[in-house]
C-alpha atoms as a PDB file:
ATOM      1  CA  MET A   1       8.656 -10.701 -18.316  1.00  0.00           C
ATOM      2  CA  LYS A   2       8.646 -12.685 -15.061  1.00  0.00           C
ATOM      3  CA  SER A   3       5.160 -13.227 -13.621  1.00  0.00           C
ATOM      4  CA  ASP A   4       6.436 -12.686 -10.073  1.00  0.00           C
ATOM      5  CA  HIS A   5       7.396  -9.123 -11.118  1.00  0.00           C
ATOM      6  CA  PHE A   6       4.290  -8.165 -13.070  1.00  0.00           C
ATOM      7  CA  ARG A   7       1.141  -9.945 -14.180  1.00  0.00           C
ATOM      8  CA  ILE A   8      -2.562  -9.494 -14.782  1.00  0.00           C
ATOM      9  CA  GLU A   9      -4.859 -11.942 -12.985  1.00  0.00           C
ATOM     10  CA  THR A  10      -8.105 -12.365 -14.925  1.00  0.00           C
ATOM     11  CA  ASP A  11      -9.953 -14.434 -12.297  1.00  0.00           C
ATOM     12  CA  ILE A  12     -10.405 -12.552  -9.027  1.00  0.00           C
ATOM     13  CA  ASN A  13     -12.454 -15.319  -7.390  1.00  0.00           C
ATOM     14  CA  TYR A  14      -9.343 -17.176  -6.220  1.00  0.00           C
ATOM     15  CA  ILE A  15      -6.618 -14.751  -5.243  1.00  0.00           C
ATOM     16  CA  ASP A  16      -3.699 -15.933  -3.113  1.00  0.00           C
ATOM     17  CA  SER A  17      -2.213 -12.867  -1.430  1.00  0.00           C
ATOM     18  CA  ARG A  18       0.614 -14.663   0.341  1.00  0.00           C
ATOM     19  CA  ASP A  19       3.247 -13.632  -2.171  1.00  0.00           C
ATOM     20  CA  LYS A  20       4.996 -10.314  -1.580  1.00  0.00           C
ATOM     21  CA  ILE A  21       3.365  -8.257  -4.272  1.00  0.00           C
ATOM     22  CA  PHE A  22       1.191  -5.171  -4.669  1.00  0.00           C
ATOM     23  CA  ARG A  23      -2.295  -5.687  -6.089  1.00  0.00           C
ATOM     24  CA  MET A  24      -4.896  -3.413  -7.608  1.00  0.00           C
ATOM     25  CA  ILE A  25      -8.065  -5.482  -7.820  1.00  0.00           C
ATOM     26  CA  PHE A  26     -10.668  -4.147 -10.222  1.00  0.00           C
ATOM     27  CA  ILE A  27     -14.187  -5.416  -9.504  1.00  0.00           C
ATOM     28  CA  SER A  28     -16.043  -4.694 -12.720  1.00  0.00           C
ATOM     29  CA  ALA A  29     -19.324  -6.353 -11.696  1.00  0.00           C
ATOM     30  CA  GLY A  30     -20.888  -8.038  -8.681  1.00  0.00           C
ATOM     31  CA  ASP A  31     -20.113  -7.608  -5.018  1.00  0.00           C
ATOM     32  CA  ALA A  32     -18.052  -9.309  -2.347  1.00  0.00           C
ATOM     33  CA  THR A  33     -17.282  -9.319   1.364  1.00  0.00           C
ATOM     34  CA  ILE A  34     -13.512  -9.029   1.577  1.00  0.00           C
ATOM     35  CA  LYS A  35     -11.233  -9.365   4.584  1.00  0.00           C
ATOM     36  CA  ILE A  36      -7.967  -7.439   4.514  1.00  0.00           C
ATOM     37  CA  ASP A  37      -5.776  -8.259   7.492  1.00  0.00           C
ATOM     38  CA  PHE A  38      -8.271  -7.922  10.386  1.00  0.00           C
ATOM     39  CA  SER A  39     -10.835  -5.637   8.736  1.00  0.00           C
ATOM     40  CA  THR A  40     -13.872  -6.695   6.706  1.00  0.00           C
ATOM     41  CA  TYR A  41     -15.366  -4.641   3.872  1.00  0.00           C
ATOM     42  CA  ASN A  42     -18.522  -5.077   1.826  1.00  0.00           C
ATOM     43  CA  ILE A  43     -17.615  -3.873  -1.653  1.00  0.00           C
ATOM     44  CA  LEU A  44     -19.996  -3.336  -4.547  1.00  0.00           C
ATOM     45  CA  GLY A  45     -18.577  -3.093  -8.038  1.00  0.00           C
ATOM     46  CA  PRO A  46     -17.380  -1.290  -9.942  1.00  0.00           C
ATOM     47  CA  ALA A  47     -14.568  -0.625  -7.483  1.00  0.00           C
ATOM     48  CA  LEU A  48     -10.804  -0.715  -7.070  1.00  0.00           C
ATOM     49  CA  ILE A  49      -9.154  -2.442  -4.098  1.00  0.00           C
ATOM     50  CA  PHE A  50      -5.542  -1.768  -3.095  1.00  0.00           C
ATOM     51  CA  ILE A  51      -3.511  -4.490  -1.371  1.00  0.00           C
ATOM     52  CA  SER A  52       0.026  -3.745  -0.173  1.00  0.00           C
ATOM     53  CA  GLU A  53       2.745  -6.371  -0.282  1.00  0.00           C
ATOM     54  CA  ASN A  54       2.538  -7.002   3.455  1.00  0.00           C
ATOM     55  CA  GLN A  55      -1.233  -7.460   3.656  1.00  0.00           C
ATOM     56  CA  LEU A  56      -3.393 -10.575   3.679  1.00  0.00           C
ATOM     57  CA  LEU A  57      -6.558 -10.811   1.605  1.00  0.00           C
ATOM     58  CA  SER A  58      -9.418 -13.289   1.634  1.00  0.00           C
ATOM     59  CA  ILE A  59     -12.809 -13.232  -0.075  1.00  0.00           C
ATOM     60  CA  GLU A  60     -15.343 -14.205   2.574  1.00  0.00           C
ATOM     61  CA  LYS A  61     -18.505 -13.992   0.437  1.00  0.00           C
ATOM     62  CA  LYS A  62     -19.184 -13.130  -3.178  1.00  0.00           C
ATOM     63  CA  SER A  63     -22.048 -12.817  -5.604  1.00  0.00           C
ATOM     64  CA  SER A  64     -22.353 -15.219  -8.525  1.00  0.00           C
ATOM     65  CA  GLU A  65     -21.685 -12.422 -11.017  1.00  0.00           C
ATOM     66  CA  LEU A  66     -18.433 -11.285  -9.379  1.00  0.00           C
ATOM     67  CA  SER A  67     -15.901 -10.517 -12.093  1.00  0.00           C
ATOM     68  CA  GLY A  68     -12.863  -8.366 -12.684  1.00  0.00           C
ATOM     69  CA  LYS A  69      -9.087  -8.352 -12.979  1.00  0.00           C
ATOM     70  CA  ALA A  70      -6.086  -7.755 -10.759  1.00  0.00           C
ATOM     71  CA  VAL A  71      -2.901  -5.868 -11.604  1.00  0.00           C
ATOM     72  CA  CYS A  72      -0.002  -7.380  -9.655  1.00  0.00           C
ATOM     73  CA  PHE A  73       3.485  -5.918  -9.414  1.00  0.00           C
ATOM     74  CA  SER A  74       6.536  -6.204  -7.194  1.00  0.00           C
ATOM     75  CA  ASN A  75       8.819  -3.479  -5.883  1.00  0.00           C
ATOM     76  CA  ASP A  76      11.496  -4.867  -8.183  1.00  0.00           C
ATOM     77  CA  PHE A  77       9.283  -4.039 -11.174  1.00  0.00           C
ATOM     78  CA  PHE A  78       7.951  -0.684  -9.982  1.00  0.00           C
ATOM     79  CA  CYS A  79       9.076   0.821  -6.699  1.00  0.00           C
ATOM     80  CA  ILE A  80       6.326   3.063  -5.339  1.00  0.00           C
ATOM     81  CA  LYS A  81       8.819   4.754  -2.996  1.00  0.00           C
ATOM     82  CA  LEU A  82      11.170   5.798  -5.784  1.00  0.00           C
ATOM     83  CA  ASN A  83       8.214   7.008  -7.848  1.00  0.00           C
ATOM     84  CA  ARG A  84       6.220   8.584  -5.020  1.00  0.00           C
ATOM     85  CA  SER A  85       6.486  12.122  -6.417  1.00  0.00           C
ATOM     86  CA  GLU A  86       4.961  10.948  -9.705  1.00  0.00           C
ATOM     87  CA  THR A  87       2.156   8.669  -8.539  1.00  0.00           C
ATOM     88  CA  PHE A  88       1.599   9.507  -4.824  1.00  0.00           C
ATOM     89  CA  CYS A  89       0.411   5.914  -4.385  1.00  0.00           C
ATOM     90  CA  ASP A  90       2.129   5.151  -1.075  1.00  0.00           C
ATOM     91  CA  ALA A  91       0.571   8.268   0.459  1.00  0.00           C
ATOM     92  CA  VAL A  92      -2.855   7.836  -1.112  1.00  0.00           C
ATOM     93  CA  ILE A  93      -3.996   4.495  -2.493  1.00  0.00           C
ATOM     94  CA  PHE A  94      -1.604   2.136  -0.670  1.00  0.00           C
ATOM     95  CA  ASN A  95      -2.086   4.075   2.554  1.00  0.00           C
ATOM     96  CA  THR A  96      -2.816   1.361   5.119  1.00  0.00           C
ATOM     97  CA  THR A  97      -4.500   3.783   7.552  1.00  0.00           C
ATOM     98  CA  LYS A  98      -7.297   4.707   5.126  1.00  0.00           C
ATOM     99  CA  PRO A  99     -10.045   2.688   3.347  1.00  0.00           C
ATOM    100  CA  PRO A 100      -8.276   0.267   0.977  1.00  0.00           C
ATOM    101  CA  TYR A 101     -10.780   0.642  -1.847  1.00  0.00           C
ATOM    102  CA  ILE A 102     -12.648   3.213  -3.906  1.00  0.00           C
ATOM    103  CA  PRO A 103     -16.035   2.891  -5.613  1.00  0.00           C
ATOM    104  CA  LEU A 104     -15.946   3.882  -9.279  1.00  0.00           C
ATOM    105  CA  GLN A 105     -18.357   5.830 -11.396  1.00  0.00           C
ATOM    106  CA  ALA A 106     -19.175   4.412 -14.841  1.00  0.00           C
ATOM    107  CA  SER A 107     -16.701   6.672 -16.650  1.00  0.00           C
ATOM    108  CA  GLU A 108     -13.940   5.875 -14.126  1.00  0.00           C
ATOM    109  CA  SER A 109     -14.651   2.156 -14.440  1.00  0.00           C
ATOM    110  CA  ARG A 110     -14.324   2.320 -18.220  1.00  0.00           C
ATOM    111  CA  LYS A 111     -10.967   4.115 -17.943  1.00  0.00           C
ATOM    112  CA  VAL A 112      -9.608   1.589 -15.433  1.00  0.00           C
ATOM    113  CA  ASP A 113     -10.780  -1.311 -17.598  1.00  0.00           C
ATOM    114  CA  TYR A 114      -9.167   0.268 -20.664  1.00  0.00           C
ATOM    115  CA  LEU A 115      -5.793   0.715 -18.917  1.00  0.00           C
ATOM    116  CA  ILE A 116      -5.735  -2.821 -17.522  1.00  0.00           C
ATOM    117  CA  THR A 117      -6.724  -4.275 -20.883  1.00  0.00           C
ATOM    118  CA  ALA A 118      -3.958  -2.267 -22.566  1.00  0.00           C
ATOM    119  CA  MET A 119      -1.372  -3.672 -20.147  1.00  0.00           C
ATOM    120  CA  ASN A 120      -2.681  -7.197 -20.655  1.00  0.00           C
ATOM    121  CA  ASN A 121      -2.477  -6.797 -24.439  1.00  0.00           C
ATOM    122  CA  GLU A 122       1.085  -5.539 -24.122  1.00  0.00           C
ATOM    123  CA  LEU A 123       2.029  -8.629 -22.117  1.00  0.00           C
ATOM    124  CA  GLU A 124       0.924 -10.794 -25.028  1.00  0.00           C
ATOM    125  CA  GLU A 125       3.091  -8.934 -27.532  1.00  0.00           C
ATOM    126  CA  ALA A 126       6.699  -9.427 -26.507  1.00  0.00           C
ATOM    127  CA  ASN A 127       8.987  -6.673 -27.783  1.00  0.00           C
ATOM    128  CA  ASP A 128      12.056  -4.713 -26.725  1.00  0.00           C
ATOM    129  CA  PHE A 129       9.949  -1.911 -25.243  1.00  0.00           C
ATOM    130  CA  GLN A 130       7.404  -4.063 -23.399  1.00  0.00           C
ATOM    131  CA  GLU A 131       8.548  -3.268 -19.849  1.00  0.00           C
ATOM    132  CA  GLU A 132       8.857   0.481 -20.446  1.00  0.00           C
ATOM    133  CA  ILE A 133       5.393   0.629 -22.041  1.00  0.00           C
ATOM    134  CA  ILE A 134       3.763  -1.338 -19.213  1.00  0.00           C
ATOM    135  CA  ILE A 135       5.463   0.800 -16.552  1.00  0.00           C
ATOM    136  CA  SER A 136       4.141   3.912 -18.289  1.00  0.00           C
ATOM    137  CA  GLN A 137       0.624   2.426 -18.361  1.00  0.00           C
ATOM    138  CA  LEU A 138       0.920   1.352 -14.729  1.00  0.00           C
ATOM    139  CA  LYS A 139       1.949   4.890 -13.718  1.00  0.00           C
ATOM    140  CA  THR A 140      -1.140   6.222 -15.486  1.00  0.00           C
ATOM    141  CA  LEU A 141      -3.363   3.751 -13.643  1.00  0.00           C
ATOM    142  CA  LEU A 142      -1.776   4.584 -10.277  1.00  0.00           C
ATOM    143  CA  LEU A 143      -2.029   8.335 -10.794  1.00  0.00           C
ATOM    144  CA  SER A 144      -5.620   8.060 -12.046  1.00  0.00           C
ATOM    145  CA  SER A 145      -6.498   5.976  -8.974  1.00  0.00           C
ATOM    146  CA  SER A 146      -4.840   8.523  -6.683  1.00  0.00           C
ATOM    147  CA  LYS A 147      -6.870  11.323  -8.260  1.00  0.00           C
ATOM    148  CA  ILE A 148     -10.111   9.396  -7.818  1.00  0.00           C
ATOM    149  CA  LYS A 149      -9.366   8.647  -4.170  1.00  0.00           C
ATOM    150  CA  LEU A 150      -8.321  12.220  -3.495  1.00  0.00           C
ATOM    151  CA  LYS A 151     -11.598  13.426  -4.941  1.00  0.00           C
ATOM    152  CA  GLN A 152     -13.496  11.080  -2.630  1.00  0.00           C
ATOM    153  CA  PHE A 153     -11.482  11.424   0.578  1.00  0.00           C
ATOM    154  CA  GLY A 154      -9.533  14.675   0.127  1.00  0.00           C
ATOM    155  CA  GLU A 155      -6.300  13.451   1.708  1.00  0.00           C
ATOM    156  CA  VAL A 156      -3.098  14.606   0.071  1.00  0.00           C
ATOM    157  CA  ASN A 157      -2.286  17.870  -1.666  1.00  0.00           C
ATOM    158  CA  LEU A 158      -1.632  16.512  -5.155  1.00  0.00           C
ATOM    159  CA  SER A 159       1.352  18.618  -6.116  1.00  0.00           C
ATOM    160  CA  ILE A 160       5.048  17.873  -6.203  1.00  0.00           C
ATOM    161  CA  LEU A 161       6.035  17.145  -2.632  1.00  0.00           C
ATOM    162  CA  SER A 162       8.279  19.688  -0.970  1.00  0.00           C
ATOM    163  CA  PRO A 163      11.956  18.850  -0.383  1.00  0.00           C
ATOM    164  CA  VAL A 164      11.423  18.652   3.382  1.00  0.00           C
ATOM    165  CA  VAL A 165       8.597  16.100   3.050  1.00  0.00           C
ATOM    166  CA  THR A 166      10.474  14.046   0.459  1.00  0.00           C
ATOM    167  CA  GLY A 167      13.533  14.223   2.699  1.00  0.00           C
ATOM    168  CA  PHE A 168      11.506  12.975   5.641  1.00  0.00           C
ATOM    169  CA  GLN A 169      10.108  10.056   3.626  1.00  0.00           C
ATOM    170  CA  ASN A 170      13.568   9.020   2.471  1.00  0.00           C
ATOM    171  CA  LEU A 171      15.013   9.415   5.969  1.00  0.00           C
ATOM    172  CA  LEU A 172      12.205   7.353   7.480  1.00  0.00           C
ATOM    173  CA  ASP A 173      12.897   4.542   5.012  1.00  0.00           C
ATOM    174  CA  GLN A 174      16.529   4.524   6.165  1.00  0.00           C
ATOM    175  CA  GLU A 175      16.188   5.082   9.908  1.00  0.00           C
ATOM    176  CA  TYR A 176      12.852   3.626  11.084  1.00  0.00           C
ATOM    177  CA  GLU A 177      14.550   0.644  12.753  1.00  0.00           C
ATOM    178  CA  ARG A 178      16.699   2.921  14.903  1.00  0.00           C
ATOM    179  CA  GLN A 179      14.815   6.196  15.255  1.00  0.00           C
ATOM    180  CA  HIS A 180      11.207   6.505  16.436  1.00  0.00           C
ATOM    181  CA  ASN A 181      11.418  10.089  17.702  1.00  0.00           C
ATOM    182  CA  VAL A 182      10.042  13.074  15.786  1.00  0.00           C
ATOM    183  CA  GLN A 183      12.871  15.243  17.132  1.00  0.00           C
ATOM    184  CA  PHE A 184      15.500  13.130  15.349  1.00  0.00           C
ATOM    185  CA  TYR A 185      13.904  13.612  11.925  1.00  0.00           C
ATOM    186  CA  ALA A 186      13.401  17.327  12.531  1.00  0.00           C
ATOM    187  CA  ASP A 187      17.053  17.767  13.573  1.00  0.00           C
ATOM    188  CA  GLU A 188      18.321  15.849  10.535  1.00  0.00           C
ATOM    189  CA  LEU A 189      16.241  18.047   8.230  1.00  0.00           C
ATOM    190  CA  ASN A 190      17.169  21.301  10.009  1.00  0.00           C
ATOM    191  CA  ILE A 191      13.598  22.157  10.870  1.00  0.00           C
ATOM    192  CA  SER A 192      11.609  22.349  14.107  1.00  0.00           C
ATOM    193  CA  PRO A 193       9.366  19.403  15.024  1.00  0.00           C
ATOM    194  CA  LYS A 194       6.364  21.717  14.715  1.00  0.00           C
ATOM    195  CA  GLY A 195       7.449  22.855  11.255  1.00  0.00           C
ATOM    196  CA  LEU A 196       8.070  19.301  10.087  1.00  0.00           C
ATOM    197  CA  ASN A 197       4.702  18.141  11.385  1.00  0.00           C
ATOM    198  CA  LYS A 198       2.960  21.047   9.678  1.00  0.00           C
ATOM    199  CA  ALA A 199       4.565  20.299   6.302  1.00  0.00           C
ATOM    200  CA  VAL A 200       4.010  16.534   6.517  1.00  0.00           C
ATOM    201  CA  LYS A 201       0.418  16.903   7.706  1.00  0.00           C
ATOM    202  CA  LYS A 202      -0.381  19.358   4.901  1.00  0.00           C
ATOM    203  CA  GLU A 203       1.106  17.232   2.116  1.00  0.00           C
ATOM    204  CA  LEU A 204       0.557  13.664   3.328  1.00  0.00           C
ATOM    205  CA  GLY A 205      -2.490  14.068   5.544  1.00  0.00           C
ATOM    206  CA  ARG A 206      -0.865  12.525   8.614  1.00  0.00           C
ATOM    207  CA  THR A 207       1.551  13.576  11.329  1.00  0.00           C
ATOM    208  CA  VAL A 208       5.193  12.520  11.518  1.00  0.00           C
ATOM    209  CA  SER A 209       4.428  10.343  14.532  1.00  0.00           C
ATOM    210  CA  GLU A 210       1.574   8.597  12.698  1.00  0.00           C
ATOM    211  CA  LEU A 211       3.817   7.829   9.733  1.00  0.00           C
ATOM    212  CA  ILE A 212       6.575   6.471  11.965  1.00  0.00           C
ATOM    213  CA  LYS A 213       4.087   4.180  13.699  1.00  0.00           C
ATOM    214  CA  GLU A 214       2.600   3.071  10.388  1.00  0.00           C
ATOM    215  CA  LYS A 215       6.048   2.229   9.024  1.00  0.00           C
ATOM    216  CA  LEU A 216       6.891   0.162  12.104  1.00  0.00           C
ATOM    217  CA  ILE A 217       3.594  -1.738  11.919  1.00  0.00           C
ATOM    218  CA  VAL A 218       4.009  -2.444   8.203  1.00  0.00           C
ATOM    219  CA  GLU A 219       7.502  -3.817   8.747  1.00  0.00           C
ATOM    220  CA  ALA A 220       6.451  -5.793  11.829  1.00  0.00           C
ATOM    221  CA  LYS A 221       3.639  -7.425   9.820  1.00  0.00           C
ATOM    222  CA  ARG A 222       6.072  -8.266   7.046  1.00  0.00           C
ATOM    223  CA  GLU A 223       8.436  -9.947   9.511  1.00  0.00           C
ATOM    224  CA  LEU A 224       5.592 -11.846  11.175  1.00  0.00           C
ATOM    225  CA  TYR A 225       4.460 -12.987   7.733  1.00  0.00           C
ATOM    226  CA  THR A 226       7.857 -14.453   6.795  1.00  0.00           C
ATOM    227  CA  LYS A 227       8.113 -16.266  10.159  1.00  0.00           C
ATOM    228  CA  GLU A 228      11.905 -16.040   9.953  1.00  0.00           C
ATOM    229  CA  LEU A 229      12.298 -14.249  13.298  1.00  0.00           C
ATOM    230  CA  SER A 230      10.684 -14.687  16.696  1.00  0.00           C
ATOM    231  CA  ILE A 231       8.433 -11.943  18.021  1.00  0.00           C
ATOM    232  CA  LYS A 232      11.193 -10.924  20.429  1.00  0.00           C
ATOM    233  CA  GLU A 233      13.718 -10.749  17.571  1.00  0.00           C
ATOM    234  CA  ILE A 234      11.331  -8.675  15.455  1.00  0.00           C
ATOM    235  CA  GLY A 235      10.928  -6.198  18.292  1.00  0.00           C
ATOM    236  CA  PHE A 236      14.700  -5.872  18.684  1.00  0.00           C
ATOM    237  CA  LYS A 237      15.153  -5.444  14.914  1.00  0.00           C
ATOM    238  CA  LEU A 238      12.627  -2.599  14.904  1.00  0.00           C
ATOM    239  CA  GLY A 239      14.338  -0.789  17.759  1.00  0.00           C
ATOM    240  CA  PHE A 240      12.241  -1.967  20.722  1.00  0.00           C
ATOM    241  CA  GLU A 241      14.567  -2.998  23.537  1.00  0.00           C
ATOM    242  CA  ASP A 242      11.670  -4.274  25.669  1.00  0.00           C
ATOM    243  CA  PRO A 243       9.711  -7.142  24.002  1.00  0.00           C
ATOM    244  CA  ALA A 244       6.698  -6.418  26.200  1.00  0.00           C
ATOM    245  CA  TYR A 245       6.631  -2.787  25.043  1.00  0.00           C
ATOM    246  CA  PHE A 246       6.787  -3.920  21.409  1.00  0.00           C
ATOM    247  CA  SER A 247       3.801  -6.215  21.977  1.00  0.00           C
ATOM    248  CA  ARG A 248       1.833  -3.419  23.652  1.00  0.00           C
ATOM    249  CA  PHE A 249       2.692  -1.056  20.797  1.00  0.00           C
ATOM    250  CA  PHE A 250       1.595  -3.588  18.174  1.00  0.00           C
ATOM    251  CA  ARG A 251      -1.684  -4.313  19.991  1.00  0.00           C
ATOM    252  CA  LYS A 252      -2.455  -0.620  20.412  1.00  0.00           C
ATOM    253  CA  GLU A 253      -1.984   0.032  16.693  1.00  0.00           C
ATOM    254  CA  THR A 254      -3.683  -3.114  15.339  1.00  0.00           C
ATOM    255  CA  SER A 255      -5.976  -4.315  18.184  1.00  0.00           C
ATOM    256  CA  HIS A 256      -4.111  -7.645  18.096  1.00  0.00           C
ATOM    257  CA  SER A 257      -0.943  -8.888  19.732  1.00  0.00           C
ATOM    258  CA  PRO A 258       1.951  -9.989  17.474  1.00  0.00           C
ATOM    259  CA  LYS A 259       1.231 -13.595  18.472  1.00  0.00           C
ATOM    260  CA  GLU A 260      -2.434 -13.278  17.505  1.00  0.00           C
ATOM    261  CA  TYR A 261      -1.509 -11.761  14.175  1.00  0.00           C
ATOM    262  CA  ALA A 262       1.067 -14.462  13.445  1.00  0.00           C
ATOM    263  CA  GLU A 263      -1.442 -17.224  14.199  1.00  0.00           C
ATOM    264  CA  LEU A 264      -3.771 -15.864  11.519  1.00  0.00           C
ATOM    265  CA  LEU A 265      -1.125 -15.977   8.777  1.00  0.00           C
END
C-alpha cells in the first residue's frame, strides 16, 4: 500500500503537514501547544486532533513526555465526501469551523489506541484483503470519533442524512465555483430557501450560507497552498469577478488577507 495514500506515523513530535492528506493525531500522553492555520490550541492528552488536507499544522511547544500516533489518509484512499452518510466526518470531526480536537476519557483513549494499533498491525501483514480491512477499521475510528465529538459539542443529528441535505452537499461540491447564492441551491432541489436552511441547519448544524462560505475558504486555502495561481486568478476561479471583493471576503472569514495567508505557507 502506498504511504502517500495511507500510513501510520508513530512519532508525532515531527509532523510535516504540507502534503495533501487528512490526519487524525492521537496524543496518548503529554501536552502540546499546537498551531493550526492561524489558531493556537493548548491540548492535554489523551486527545484526538483532526487536520484536513488543506490545513497547516505546527507544534509550537510540547512536554517531554509527548507521545502518540497519527493516522494519515488521502482522498484517493478514503473519500470522506463519498462516505459522509456512514462516518459524518466532514460535518463533524473535519469541520473547519469548530474546535479541531476532542479530549478523550480513559475508556475512549483505549479504544482509539486499539483501533490505530490494529490498523498498524494490518499494514505489516500484506495480504489480498489488506486495504478493505484497513478501510473498515478507519471507518470505525472515524465514526467513533464523530460520536465522541457529538457527545461533547452536540452538533449534528447522527442519523442518515435526508435526501435534500445529501443533495445539497453533492450540489455544493459541483457548483461552488459558480454559485454562491442560497436561492440557486434551493431552486435546484425544488425547495424554498427557508426550507433548505431549516433542513441543513438541523442535520449539519450550520446554515447553507455558512457552508458555502466554508467551502470557498477551504478551496481558496488549497489554491494558496499550491501557489500555482495568483491571488487574482484564485478569485476568478472561485467565482469572484472583483479581486478586491475576493480579498475582503477572505479577510472577513479568516481575519487575514489572501496575501498574508500565502506568506505564512
